[in-house]
Amino acid sequence: FASRGFKFYSSLKYIFDSNVKNFDK
């Protein structure tokens, strides 16, 4: 129950491989 401050989260992901059909990077 915050009354002050902040929370921040940011991510950048490169999905470069998969065994799913028709997969695109």
PDB file of all heavy atoms in Angstrom:
ATOM      1  N   PHE A   1       0.852  -1.184   0.000  1.00  0.00           N
ATOM      2  CA  PHE A   1       0.000   0.000   0.000  1.00  0.00           C
ATOM      3  C   PHE A   1       0.892   1.241   0.000  1.00  0.00           C
ATOM      4  O   PHE A   1       0.919   2.009   0.963  1.00  0.00           O
ATOM      5  CB  PHE A   1      -0.931   0.004   1.220  1.00  0.00           C
ATOM      6  CG  PHE A   1      -1.831  -1.198   1.301  1.00  0.00           C
ATOM      7  CD1 PHE A   1      -1.485  -2.291   2.082  1.00  0.00           C
ATOM      8  CD2 PHE A   1      -3.017  -1.243   0.593  1.00  0.00           C
ATOM      9  CE1 PHE A   1      -2.303  -3.405   2.157  1.00  0.00           C
ATOM     10  CE2 PHE A   1      -3.847  -2.354   0.656  1.00  0.00           C
ATOM     11  CZ  PHE A   1      -3.491  -3.438   1.436  1.00  0.00           C
ATOM     12  N   ALA A   2       1.624   1.416  -1.065  1.00  0.00           N
ATOM     13  CA  ALA A   2       2.605   2.503  -1.137  1.00  0.00           C
ATOM     14  C   ALA A   2       1.908   3.858  -1.176  1.00  0.00           C
ATOM     15  O   ALA A   2       0.846   4.022  -1.788  1.00  0.00           O
ATOM     16  CB  ALA A   2       3.487   2.331  -2.368  1.00  0.00           C
ATOM     17  N   SER A   3       2.523   4.832  -0.523  1.00  0.00           N
ATOM     18  CA  SER A   3       2.064   6.223  -0.610  1.00  0.00           C
ATOM     19  C   SER A   3       3.158   7.130  -1.161  1.00  0.00           C
ATOM     20  O   SER A   3       2.901   8.290  -1.467  1.00  0.00           O
ATOM     21  CB  SER A   3       1.627   6.734   0.764  1.00  0.00           C
ATOM     22  OG  SER A   3       2.711   6.680   1.684  1.00  0.00           O
ATOM     23  N   ARG A   4       4.375   6.597  -1.274  1.00  0.00           N
ATOM     24  CA  ARG A   4       5.499   7.344  -1.835  1.00  0.00           C
ATOM     25  C   ARG A   4       6.346   6.399  -2.678  1.00  0.00           C
ATOM     26  O   ARG A   4       6.357   5.196  -2.453  1.00  0.00           O
ATOM     27  CB  ARG A   4       6.392   7.936  -0.737  1.00  0.00           C
ATOM     28  CG  ARG A   4       5.788   9.064   0.070  1.00  0.00           C
ATOM     29  CD  ARG A   4       6.833   9.609   1.057  1.00  0.00           C
ATOM     30  NE  ARG A   4       6.361  10.763   1.793  1.00  0.00           N
ATOM     31  CZ  ARG A   4       5.739  10.707   2.954  1.00  0.00           C
ATOM     32  NH1 ARG A   4       5.508   9.522   3.500  1.00  0.00           N
ATOM     33  NH2 ARG A   4       5.352  11.806   3.570  1.00  0.00           N
ATOM     34  N   GLY A   5       7.076   6.975  -3.623  1.00  0.00           N
ATOM     35  CA  GLY A   5       8.050   6.207  -4.378  1.00  0.00           C
ATOM     36  C   GLY A   5       7.493   5.628  -5.663  1.00  0.00           C
ATOM     37  O   GLY A   5       6.308   5.740  -5.977  1.00  0.00           O
ATOM     38  N   PHE A   6       8.363   4.980  -6.394  1.00  0.00           N
ATOM     39  CA  PHE A   6       7.963   4.429  -7.680  1.00  0.00           C
ATOM     40  C   PHE A   6       8.570   3.047  -7.882  1.00  0.00           C
ATOM     41  O   PHE A   6       9.553   2.661  -7.252  1.00  0.00           O
ATOM     42  CB  PHE A   6       8.395   5.362  -8.827  1.00  0.00           C
ATOM     43  CG  PHE A   6       9.883   5.417  -9.046  1.00  0.00           C
ATOM     44  CD1 PHE A   6      10.509   4.558  -9.949  1.00  0.00           C
ATOM     45  CD2 PHE A   6      10.665   6.320  -8.351  1.00  0.00           C
ATOM     46  CE1 PHE A   6      11.875   4.599 -10.146  1.00  0.00           C
ATOM     47  CE2 PHE A   6      12.038   6.369  -8.543  1.00  0.00           C
ATOM     48  CZ  PHE A   6      12.647   5.509  -9.443  1.00  0.00           C
ATOM     49  N   LYS A   7       7.961   2.313  -8.775  1.00  0.00           N
ATOM     50  CA  LYS A   7       8.462   1.020  -9.216  1.00  0.00           C
ATOM     51  C   LYS A   7       8.491   1.040 -10.736  1.00  0.00           C
ATOM     52  O   LYS A   7       7.512   1.434 -11.379  1.00  0.00           O
ATOM     53  CB  LYS A   7       7.569  -0.113  -8.711  1.00  0.00           C
ATOM     54  CG  LYS A   7       8.031  -1.507  -9.147  1.00  0.00           C
ATOM     55  CD  LYS A   7       7.081  -2.579  -8.638  1.00  0.00           C
ATOM     56  CE  LYS A   7       7.543  -3.971  -9.067  1.00  0.00           C
ATOM     57  NZ  LYS A   7       6.610  -5.026  -8.613  1.00  0.00           N
ATOM     58  N   PHE A   8       9.605   0.605 -11.302  1.00  0.00           N
ATOM     59  CA  PHE A   8       9.762   0.643 -12.750  1.00  0.00           C
ATOM     60  C   PHE A   8      10.500  -0.606 -13.196  1.00  0.00           C
ATOM     61  O   PHE A   8      11.458  -1.040 -12.558  1.00  0.00           O
ATOM     62  CB  PHE A   8      10.555   1.887 -13.163  1.00  0.00           C
ATOM     63  CG  PHE A   8      10.872   1.941 -14.636  1.00  0.00           C
ATOM     64  CD1 PHE A   8       9.899   2.288 -15.554  1.00  0.00           C
ATOM     65  CD2 PHE A   8      12.145   1.628 -15.109  1.00  0.00           C
ATOM     66  CE1 PHE A   8      10.176   2.335 -16.912  1.00  0.00           C
ATOM     67  CE2 PHE A   8      12.435   1.672 -16.454  1.00  0.00           C
ATOM     68  CZ  PHE A   8      11.452   2.027 -17.368  1.00  0.00           C
ATOM     69  N   TYR A   9      10.014  -1.192 -14.281  1.00  0.00           N
ATOM     70  CA  TYR A   9      10.712  -2.332 -14.869  1.00  0.00           C
ATOM     71  C   TYR A   9      10.509  -2.289 -16.380  1.00  0.00           C
ATOM     72  O   TYR A   9       9.385  -2.157 -16.869  1.00  0.00           O
ATOM     73  CB  TYR A   9      10.188  -3.662 -14.328  1.00  0.00           C
ATOM     74  CG  TYR A   9      10.980  -4.852 -14.828  1.00  0.00           C
ATOM     75  CD1 TYR A   9      12.143  -5.248 -14.178  1.00  0.00           C
ATOM     76  CD2 TYR A   9      10.578  -5.562 -15.958  1.00  0.00           C
ATOM     77  CE1 TYR A   9      12.887  -6.334 -14.640  1.00  0.00           C
ATOM     78  CE2 TYR A   9      11.316  -6.645 -16.425  1.00  0.00           C
ATOM     79  CZ  TYR A   9      12.474  -7.013 -15.760  1.00  0.00           C
ATOM     80  OH  TYR A   9      13.215  -8.069 -16.228  1.00  0.00           O
ATOM     81  N   SER A  10      11.605  -2.388 -17.103  1.00  0.00           N
ATOM     82  CA  SER A  10      11.537  -2.390 -18.561  1.00  0.00           C
ATOM     83  C   SER A  10      12.506  -3.430 -19.095  1.00  0.00           C
ATOM     84  O   SER A  10      13.623  -3.577 -18.571  1.00  0.00           O
ATOM     85  CB  SER A  10      11.893  -1.007 -19.117  1.00  0.00           C
ATOM     86  OG  SER A  10      11.832  -1.005 -20.536  1.00  0.00           O
ATOM     87  N   SER A  11      12.076  -4.143 -20.132  1.00  0.00           N
ATOM     88  CA  SER A  11      12.936  -5.169 -20.718  1.00  0.00           C
ATOM     89  C   SER A  11      12.820  -5.144 -22.237  1.00  0.00           C
ATOM     90  O   SER A  11      11.772  -4.795 -22.797  1.00  0.00           O
ATOM     91  CB  SER A  11      12.555  -6.558 -20.195  1.00  0.00           C
ATOM     92  OG  SER A  11      11.259  -6.920 -20.633  1.00  0.00           O
ATOM     93  N   LEU A  12      13.910  -5.499 -22.866  1.00  0.00           N
ATOM     94  CA  LEU A  12      13.951  -5.674 -24.315  1.00  0.00           C
ATOM     95  C   LEU A  12      14.475  -7.074 -24.575  1.00  0.00           C
ATOM     96  O   LEU A  12      15.580  -7.422 -24.137  1.00  0.00           O
ATOM     97  CB  LEU A  12      14.864  -4.639 -24.960  1.00  0.00           C
ATOM     98  CG  LEU A  12      15.082  -4.798 -26.480  1.00  0.00           C
ATOM     99  CD1 LEU A  12      13.772  -4.627 -27.235  1.00  0.00           C
ATOM    100  CD2 LEU A  12      16.142  -3.815 -26.972  1.00  0.00           C
ATOM    101  N   LYS A  13      13.676  -7.900 -25.273  1.00  0.00           N
ATOM    102  CA  LYS A  13      14.051  -9.287 -25.533  1.00  0.00           C
ATOM    103  C   LYS A  13      14.141  -9.531 -27.048  1.00  0.00           C
ATOM    104  O   LYS A  13      13.299  -9.051 -27.812  1.00  0.00           O
ATOM    105  CB  LYS A  13      13.032 -10.249 -24.916  1.00  0.00           C
ATOM    106  CG  LYS A  13      12.983 -10.190 -23.396  1.00  0.00           C
ATOM    107  CD  LYS A  13      12.012 -11.210 -22.818  1.00  0.00           C
ATOM    108  CE  LYS A  13      12.018 -11.174 -21.300  1.00  0.00           C
ATOM    109  NZ  LYS A  13      11.108 -12.181 -20.707  1.00  0.00           N
ATOM    110  N   TYR A  14      15.166 -10.293 -27.406  1.00  0.00           N
ATOM    111  CA  TYR A  14      15.329 -10.724 -28.800  1.00  0.00           C
ATOM    112  C   TYR A  14      15.073 -12.220 -28.838  1.00  0.00           C
ATOM    113  O   TYR A  14      15.857 -13.017 -28.325  1.00  0.00           O
ATOM    114  CB  TYR A  14      16.731 -10.391 -29.290  1.00  0.00           C
ATOM    115  CG  TYR A  14      17.052 -10.931 -30.673  1.00  0.00           C
ATOM    116  CD1 TYR A  14      16.156 -10.786 -31.735  1.00  0.00           C
ATOM    117  CD2 TYR A  14      18.263 -11.582 -30.910  1.00  0.00           C
ATOM    118  CE1 TYR A  14      16.454 -11.272 -32.997  1.00  0.00           C
ATOM    119  CE2 TYR A  14      18.581 -12.077 -32.181  1.00  0.00           C
ATOM    120  CZ  TYR A  14      17.669 -11.921 -33.210  1.00  0.00           C
ATOM    121  OH  TYR A  14      17.956 -12.409 -34.468  1.00  0.00           O
ATOM    122  N   ILE A  15      13.936 -12.614 -29.405  1.00  0.00           N
ATOM    123  CA  ILE A  15      13.565 -14.025 -29.479  1.00  0.00           C
ATOM    124  C   ILE A  15      14.185 -14.575 -30.761  1.00  0.00           C
ATOM    125  O   ILE A  15      13.691 -14.329 -31.866  1.00  0.00           O
ATOM    126  CB  ILE A  15      12.037 -14.193 -29.485  1.00  0.00           C
ATOM    127  CG1 ILE A  15      11.420 -13.414 -28.320  1.00  0.00           C
ATOM    128  CG2 ILE A  15      11.655 -15.667 -29.388  1.00  0.00           C
ATOM    129  CD1 ILE A  15       9.909 -13.378 -28.329  1.00  0.00           C
ATOM    130  N   PHE A  16      15.296 -15.298 -30.602  1.00  0.00           N
ATOM    131  CA  PHE A  16      16.093 -15.636 -31.780  1.00  0.00           C
ATOM    132  C   PHE A  16      15.965 -17.093 -32.227  1.00  0.00           C
ATOM    133  O   PHE A  16      16.477 -17.456 -33.290  1.00  0.00           O
ATOM    134  CB  PHE A  16      17.566 -15.298 -31.546  1.00  0.00           C
ATOM    135  CG  PHE A  16      18.204 -16.050 -30.418  1.00  0.00           C
ATOM    136  CD1 PHE A  16      18.759 -17.312 -30.595  1.00  0.00           C
ATOM    137  CD2 PHE A  16      18.272 -15.488 -29.149  1.00  0.00           C
ATOM    138  CE1 PHE A  16      19.351 -17.995 -29.565  1.00  0.00           C
ATOM    139  CE2 PHE A  16      18.863 -16.164 -28.098  1.00  0.00           C
ATOM    140  CZ  PHE A  16      19.413 -17.424 -28.299  1.00  0.00           C
ATOM    141  N   ASP A  17      15.287 -17.937 -31.440  1.00  0.00           N
ATOM    142  CA  ASP A  17      15.183 -19.332 -31.861  1.00  0.00           C
ATOM    143  C   ASP A  17      13.961 -19.964 -31.212  1.00  0.00           C
ATOM    144  O   ASP A  17      13.573 -19.620 -30.083  1.00  0.00           O
ATOM    145  CB  ASP A  17      16.444 -20.105 -31.482  1.00  0.00           C
ATOM    146  CG  ASP A  17      16.518 -21.461 -32.202  1.00  0.00           C
ATOM    147  OD1 ASP A  17      15.795 -21.638 -33.203  1.00  0.00           O
ATOM    148  OD2 ASP A  17      17.287 -22.329 -31.755  1.00  0.00           O
ATOM    149  N   SER A  18      13.355 -20.919 -31.914  1.00  0.00           N
ATOM    150  CA  SER A  18      12.202 -21.637 -31.395  1.00  0.00           C
ATOM    151  C   SER A  18      11.967 -22.864 -32.260  1.00  0.00           C
ATOM    152  O   SER A  18      12.346 -22.905 -33.434  1.00  0.00           O
ATOM    153  CB  SER A  18      10.957 -20.752 -31.400  1.00  0.00           C
ATOM    154  OG  SER A  18       9.822 -21.491 -30.998  1.00  0.00           O
ATOM    155  N   ASN A  19      11.317 -23.872 -31.666  1.00  0.00           N
ATOM    156  CA  ASN A  19      10.954 -25.055 -32.443  1.00  0.00           C
ATOM    157  C   ASN A  19       9.511 -24.985 -32.938  1.00  0.00           C
ATOM    158  O   ASN A  19       8.965 -25.957 -33.433  1.00  0.00           O
ATOM    159  CB  ASN A  19      11.166 -26.324 -31.612  1.00  0.00           C
ATOM    160  CG  ASN A  19      10.244 -26.372 -30.392  1.00  0.00           C
ATOM    161  OD1 ASN A  19       9.611 -25.386 -30.041  1.00  0.00           O
ATOM    162  ND2 ASN A  19      10.181 -27.534 -29.752  1.00  0.00           N
ATOM    163  N   VAL A  20       8.887 -23.807 -32.798  1.00  0.00           N
ATOM    164  CA  VAL A  20       7.513 -23.615 -33.256  1.00  0.00           C
ATOM    165  C   VAL A  20       7.512 -23.415 -34.772  1.00  0.00           C
ATOM    166  O   VAL A  20       8.370 -22.725 -35.333  1.00  0.00           O
ATOM    167  CB  VAL A  20       6.891 -22.387 -32.554  1.00  0.00           C
ATOM    168  CG1 VAL A  20       5.482 -22.123 -33.088  1.00  0.00           C
ATOM    169  CG2 VAL A  20       6.845 -22.624 -31.052  1.00  0.00           C
ATOM    170  N   LYS A  21       6.556 -24.022 -35.458  1.00  0.00           N
ATOM    171  CA  LYS A  21       6.456 -23.888 -36.908  1.00  0.00           C
ATOM    172  C   LYS A  21       6.225 -22.427 -37.291  1.00  0.00           C
ATOM    173  O   LYS A  21       5.542 -21.685 -36.592  1.00  0.00           O
ATOM    174  CB  LYS A  21       5.311 -24.745 -37.445  1.00  0.00           C
ATOM    175  CG  LYS A  21       5.542 -26.243 -37.318  1.00  0.00           C
ATOM    176  CD  LYS A  21       4.374 -27.022 -37.893  1.00  0.00           C
ATOM    177  CE  LYS A  21       4.608 -28.530 -37.772  1.00  0.00           C
ATOM    178  NZ  LYS A  21       3.464 -29.294 -38.333  1.00  0.00           N
ATOM    179  N   ASN A  22       6.781 -22.032 -38.427  1.00  0.00           N
ATOM    180  CA  ASN A  22       6.627 -20.681 -38.973  1.00  0.00           C
ATOM    181  C   ASN A  22       7.145 -19.604 -38.011  1.00  0.00           C
ATOM    182  O   ASN A  22       6.647 -18.482 -37.987  1.00  0.00           O
ATOM    183  CB  ASN A  22       5.157 -20.398 -39.311  1.00  0.00           C
ATOM    184  CG  ASN A  22       4.601 -21.401 -40.298  1.00  0.00           C
ATOM    185  OD1 ASN A  22       5.283 -21.775 -41.265  1.00  0.00           O
ATOM    186  ND2 ASN A  22       3.374 -21.840 -40.061  1.00  0.00           N
ATOM    187  N   PHE A  23       8.145 -19.983 -37.198  1.00  0.00           N
ATOM    188  CA  PHE A  23       8.719 -19.021 -36.248  1.00  0.00           C
ATOM    189  C   PHE A  23       9.521 -17.953 -36.990  1.00  0.00           C
ATOM    190  O   PHE A  23      10.276 -18.242 -37.910  1.00  0.00           O
ATOM    191  CB  PHE A  23       9.619 -19.752 -35.240  1.00  0.00           C
ATOM    192  CG  PHE A  23      10.489 -18.821 -34.440  1.00  0.00           C
ATOM    193  CD1 PHE A  23       9.955 -18.076 -33.402  1.00  0.00           C
ATOM    194  CD2 PHE A  23      11.841 -18.666 -34.747  1.00  0.00           C
ATOM    195  CE1 PHE A  23      10.749 -17.213 -32.673  1.00  0.00           C
ATOM    196  CE2 PHE A  23      12.636 -17.812 -34.020  1.00  0.00           C
ATOM    197  CZ  PHE A  23      12.092 -17.083 -32.981  1.00  0.00           C
ATOM    198  N   ASP A  24       9.350 -16.677 -36.573  1.00  0.00           N
ATOM    199  CA  ASP A  24      10.153 -15.555 -37.055  1.00  0.00           C
ATOM    200  C   ASP A  24      10.923 -14.962 -35.887  1.00  0.00           C
ATOM    201  O   ASP A  24      10.381 -14.832 -34.773  1.00  0.00           O
ATOM    202  CB  ASP A  24       9.264 -14.461 -37.652  1.00  0.00           C
ATOM    203  CG  ASP A  24       8.752 -14.834 -39.030  1.00  0.00           C
ATOM    204  OD1 ASP A  24       9.311 -15.774 -39.628  1.00  0.00           O
ATOM    205  OD2 ASP A  24       7.791 -14.189 -39.485  1.00  0.00           O
ATOM    206  N   LYS A  25      12.165 -14.594 -36.125  1.00  0.00           N
ATOM    207  CA  LYS A  25      12.908 -13.849 -35.114  1.00  0.00           C
ATOM    208  C   LYS A  25      12.191 -12.527 -34.855  1.00  0.00           C
ATOM    209  O   LYS A  25      11.736 -11.864 -35.793  1.00  0.00           O
ATOM    210  CB  LYS A  25      14.340 -13.597 -35.571  1.00  0.00           C
ATOM    211  CG  LYS A  25      15.152 -14.881 -35.749  1.00  0.00           C
ATOM    212  CD  LYS A  25      16.554 -14.581 -36.227  1.00  0.00           C
ATOM    213  CE  LYS A  25      17.340 -15.879 -36.398  1.00  0.00           C
ATOM    214  NZ  LYS A  25      18.719 -15.642 -36.890  1.00  0.00           N
TER     215      LYS A  25
END
